[in-house]
């Protein structure tokens, strides 16, 4: 029995492997969580661009004589839209369009992480169509609020929409983003 060697790993070898796995996990898990948040946050830019297209289409519609106030054809805007869903969370929820979203033909058929809404100058103008002047700096503000980590701190994405000298709508080249990792 003098020359017999025992098989298996030594305690030192096992501790080395466990410590290496611990270091890898310490690096990989936060990276994975960040990747997941970024992938969820990509939803908001797609939806705000879609919302802008709906607003742009509605703005150029000829609604004169169709039950809206104002006399000009086109340049139509809607009032503020109630954010939906009301309380964004890390769990996807249904988007329920209010009357303003339905008027511009906007809806989201799938579940969403963010709450979407819009602020409008419609209330200040007193008319639906024909009252937006060229070079108006803030016709709409489209926004998406999210709480992807359920800490009750919202990340906010906003798109500002104005009119140019030809009274056509355009949006800022990027988004205003506050607390994108929340």
Foldseek 3Di string as FASTA:
>chain_A
DVPDDDDDDDPVVVVVVVVVVVVVCVVPVVVVLQVVLVVQLVVFVVQVVVVVVLQQVQQQAQCAPVPWFDHDGGRFADAKWQWPPNDAELDWDAGDGDPRCVSSPDGDPDTHRKIKIKHACCVVQVTGHDRAAAFAFAGMKIKIWGHNPPPPDIKMWIWGWHHHNVRHIDIDPGIDIDCSRD
